[in-house]
Amino acid sequence: MRAVAALANGMGMTATAEGVETREQLDRIKSEGCTEMQGFLFSQPLPAHEIERLFLSGREAQKAPVRIIAA
């Protein structure tokens, strides 16, 4: 994880860490320089139409039963 994050940062790219399930994992990944993450910590898997609805409607995103953490 450290090497991939460093390589991406050095090339001016972002790296996405997949499978983030705990706050501890989130903190560790952030400390290594990774800025994009996905996993159950943020949301359970959703059908595409629900993701669109969640992110395109500001009010519904706040009321949604999933946790979205901006890193």
N, C-alpha and C. Protein backbone atom coordinates (compact mmCIF):
# COMPACT_ATOMS: atom_id res chain seq x y z
N MET A 1 0.83 -1.17 0.00
CA MET A 1 0.00 0.00 0.00
C MET A 1 0.88 1.25 0.00
N ARG A 2 1.89 1.26 0.80
CA ARG A 2 2.78 2.42 0.88
C ARG A 2 3.45 2.69 -0.47
N ALA A 3 3.94 1.63 -1.10
CA ALA A 3 4.65 1.78 -2.37
C ALA A 3 3.72 2.26 -3.48
N VAL A 4 2.53 1.72 -3.54
CA VAL A 4 1.57 2.12 -4.57
C VAL A 4 1.16 3.57 -4.37
N ALA A 5 0.88 3.97 -3.13
CA ALA A 5 0.50 5.35 -2.85
C ALA A 5 1.64 6.30 -3.21
N ALA A 6 2.88 5.94 -2.86
CA ALA A 6 4.03 6.78 -3.16
C ALA A 6 4.24 6.89 -4.68
N LEU A 7 4.10 5.78 -5.39
CA LEU A 7 4.25 5.79 -6.84
C LEU A 7 3.20 6.69 -7.48
N ALA A 8 1.96 6.52 -7.07
CA ALA A 8 0.87 7.34 -7.62
C ALA A 8 1.10 8.81 -7.33
N ASN A 9 1.44 9.13 -6.08
CA ASN A 9 1.68 10.53 -5.72
C ASN A 9 2.84 11.11 -6.52
N GLY A 10 3.90 10.32 -6.69
CA GLY A 10 5.07 10.77 -7.44
C GLY A 10 4.76 11.03 -8.90
N MET A 11 3.78 10.35 -9.43
CA MET A 11 3.40 10.53 -10.83
C MET A 11 2.24 11.51 -10.99
N GLY A 12 1.82 12.13 -9.88
CA GLY A 12 0.72 13.08 -9.94
C GLY A 12 -0.63 12.42 -10.13
N MET A 13 -0.73 11.16 -9.72
CA MET A 13 -1.97 10.40 -9.87
C MET A 13 -2.56 10.11 -8.50
N THR A 14 -3.78 9.60 -8.50
CA THR A 14 -4.38 9.13 -7.26
C THR A 14 -4.44 7.62 -7.28
N ALA A 15 -4.46 7.04 -6.11
CA ALA A 15 -4.63 5.60 -5.98
C ALA A 15 -5.87 5.36 -5.12
N THR A 16 -6.68 4.39 -5.48
CA THR A 16 -7.87 4.08 -4.72
C THR A 16 -7.66 2.79 -3.94
N ALA A 17 -7.78 2.87 -2.62
CA ALA A 17 -7.68 1.69 -1.77
C ALA A 17 -9.06 1.05 -1.69
N GLU A 18 -9.13 -0.22 -1.98
CA GLU A 18 -10.40 -0.94 -1.96
C GLU A 18 -10.49 -1.81 -0.72
N GLY A 19 -11.71 -2.04 -0.27
CA GLY A 19 -11.94 -2.96 0.84
C GLY A 19 -11.74 -2.34 2.21
N VAL A 20 -11.93 -1.04 2.34
CA VAL A 20 -11.77 -0.38 3.64
C VAL A 20 -13.01 -0.69 4.47
N GLU A 21 -12.80 -1.38 5.59
CA GLU A 21 -13.94 -1.83 6.40
C GLU A 21 -13.94 -1.26 7.81
N THR A 22 -12.81 -0.76 8.29
CA THR A 22 -12.75 -0.25 9.66
C THR A 22 -12.12 1.13 9.70
N ARG A 23 -12.37 1.85 10.77
CA ARG A 23 -11.78 3.18 10.95
C ARG A 23 -10.26 3.06 11.06
N GLU A 24 -9.79 1.99 11.69
CA GLU A 24 -8.36 1.75 11.80
C GLU A 24 -7.71 1.63 10.42
N GLN A 25 -8.35 0.88 9.52
CA GLN A 25 -7.84 0.76 8.16
C GLN A 25 -7.83 2.12 7.46
N LEU A 26 -8.90 2.87 7.63
CA LEU A 26 -8.99 4.20 7.02
C LEU A 26 -7.84 5.09 7.50
N ASP A 27 -7.61 5.12 8.80
CA ASP A 27 -6.54 5.96 9.35
C ASP A 27 -5.18 5.53 8.82
N ARG A 28 -4.94 4.24 8.75
CA ARG A 28 -3.64 3.74 8.26
C ARG A 28 -3.44 4.09 6.79
N ILE A 29 -4.47 3.90 6.00
CA ILE A 29 -4.38 4.18 4.56
C ILE A 29 -4.14 5.67 4.33
N LYS A 30 -4.86 6.52 5.08
CA LYS A 30 -4.65 7.96 4.95
C LYS A 30 -3.23 8.34 5.35
N SER A 31 -2.70 7.71 6.39
CA SER A 31 -1.35 8.04 6.85
C SER A 31 -0.28 7.67 5.83
N GLU A 32 -0.60 6.75 4.94
CA GLU A 32 0.34 6.34 3.90
C GLU A 32 0.23 7.21 2.64
N GLY A 33 -0.69 8.16 2.65
CA GLY A 33 -0.80 9.09 1.53
C GLY A 33 -1.86 8.77 0.51
N CYS A 34 -2.66 7.75 0.75
CA CYS A 34 -3.73 7.41 -0.18
C CYS A 34 -4.93 8.32 0.10
N THR A 35 -5.50 8.90 -0.94
CA THR A 35 -6.57 9.88 -0.75
C THR A 35 -7.95 9.40 -1.21
N GLU A 36 -8.01 8.28 -1.89
CA GLU A 36 -9.30 7.75 -2.34
C GLU A 36 -9.47 6.34 -1.81
N MET A 37 -10.65 6.06 -1.27
CA MET A 37 -10.94 4.76 -0.70
C MET A 37 -12.36 4.34 -0.99
N GLN A 38 -12.59 3.05 -0.93
CA GLN A 38 -13.94 2.53 -1.03
C GLN A 38 -14.02 1.28 -0.17
N GLY A 39 -15.22 0.96 0.25
CA GLY A 39 -15.41 -0.24 1.05
C GLY A 39 -16.64 -0.13 1.94
N PHE A 40 -16.87 -1.15 2.73
CA PHE A 40 -18.06 -1.22 3.58
C PHE A 40 -18.09 -0.13 4.64
N LEU A 41 -16.95 0.45 4.99
CA LEU A 41 -16.95 1.55 5.95
C LEU A 41 -17.79 2.72 5.44
N PHE A 42 -17.79 2.91 4.14
CA PHE A 42 -18.49 4.03 3.53
C PHE A 42 -19.91 3.67 3.10
N SER A 43 -20.10 2.47 2.56
CA SER A 43 -21.41 2.06 2.08
C SER A 43 -21.39 0.59 1.72
N GLN A 44 -22.53 -0.04 1.87
CA GLN A 44 -22.68 -1.39 1.34
C GLN A 44 -22.75 -1.28 -0.18
N PRO A 45 -22.51 -2.36 -0.91
CA PRO A 45 -22.65 -2.29 -2.37
C PRO A 45 -24.08 -1.88 -2.75
N LEU A 46 -24.19 -1.01 -3.74
CA LEU A 46 -25.49 -0.50 -4.18
C LEU A 46 -25.62 -0.65 -5.68
N PRO A 47 -26.86 -0.85 -6.17
CA PRO A 47 -27.09 -0.83 -7.61
C PRO A 47 -26.77 0.57 -8.16
N ALA A 48 -26.38 0.65 -9.41
CA ALA A 48 -25.96 1.91 -10.01
C ALA A 48 -27.01 3.01 -9.85
N HIS A 49 -28.29 2.69 -10.02
CA HIS A 49 -29.31 3.73 -9.92
C HIS A 49 -29.41 4.31 -8.51
N GLU A 50 -29.09 3.53 -7.49
CA GLU A 50 -29.12 4.04 -6.13
C GLU A 50 -27.91 4.92 -5.84
N ILE A 51 -26.78 4.60 -6.43
CA ILE A 51 -25.59 5.42 -6.25
C ILE A 51 -25.83 6.79 -6.88
N GLU A 52 -26.39 6.79 -8.07
CA GLU A 52 -26.69 8.05 -8.75
C GLU A 52 -27.63 8.89 -7.90
N ARG A 53 -28.67 8.28 -7.38
CA ARG A 53 -29.63 9.01 -6.55
C ARG A 53 -28.97 9.54 -5.29
N LEU A 54 -28.12 8.75 -4.69
CA LEU A 54 -27.44 9.14 -3.45
C LEU A 54 -26.54 10.35 -3.65
N PHE A 55 -25.77 10.37 -4.72
CA PHE A 55 -24.81 11.44 -4.92
C PHE A 55 -25.34 12.65 -5.67
N LEU A 56 -26.44 12.50 -6.39
CA LEU A 56 -26.96 13.63 -7.14
C LEU A 56 -28.02 14.42 -6.39
N SER A 57 -28.50 13.91 -5.29
CA SER A 57 -29.49 14.64 -4.51
C SER A 57 -28.92 14.91 -3.12
N GLY A 58 -28.51 16.12 -2.88
CA GLY A 58 -27.86 16.51 -1.63
C GLY A 58 -28.65 16.16 -0.39
N ARG A 59 -29.93 16.40 -0.41
CA ARG A 59 -30.75 16.12 0.77
C ARG A 59 -30.83 14.62 1.05
N GLU A 60 -31.06 13.82 0.02
CA GLU A 60 -31.18 12.39 0.22
C GLU A 60 -29.87 11.78 0.70
N ALA A 61 -28.76 12.32 0.25
CA ALA A 61 -27.47 11.78 0.66
C ALA A 61 -27.29 11.94 2.16
N GLN A 62 -27.81 13.04 2.74
CA GLN A 62 -27.67 13.24 4.17
C GLN A 62 -28.59 12.33 4.95
N LYS A 63 -29.72 11.95 4.38
CA LYS A 63 -30.69 11.10 5.07
C LYS A 63 -30.46 9.62 4.82
N ALA A 64 -29.56 9.30 3.91
CA ALA A 64 -29.35 7.90 3.54
C ALA A 64 -28.85 7.09 4.73
N PRO A 65 -29.22 5.81 4.80
CA PRO A 65 -28.82 4.97 5.93
C PRO A 65 -27.37 4.48 5.83
N VAL A 66 -26.60 4.98 4.90
CA VAL A 66 -25.19 4.57 4.76
C VAL A 66 -24.31 5.66 5.32
N ARG A 67 -23.10 5.29 5.68
CA ARG A 67 -22.14 6.27 6.18
C ARG A 67 -21.21 6.66 5.04
N ILE A 68 -21.09 7.95 4.80
CA ILE A 68 -20.16 8.45 3.79
C ILE A 68 -19.19 9.36 4.51
N ILE A 69 -17.91 9.01 4.42
CA ILE A 69 -16.88 9.78 5.10
C ILE A 69 -15.98 10.40 4.07
N ALA A 70 -15.88 11.71 4.10
CA ALA A 70 -14.98 12.41 3.19
C ALA A 70 -13.59 12.41 3.78
N ALA A 71 -12.65 11.97 3.02
CA ALA A 71 -11.28 11.91 3.52
C ALA A 71 -10.43 12.97 2.87
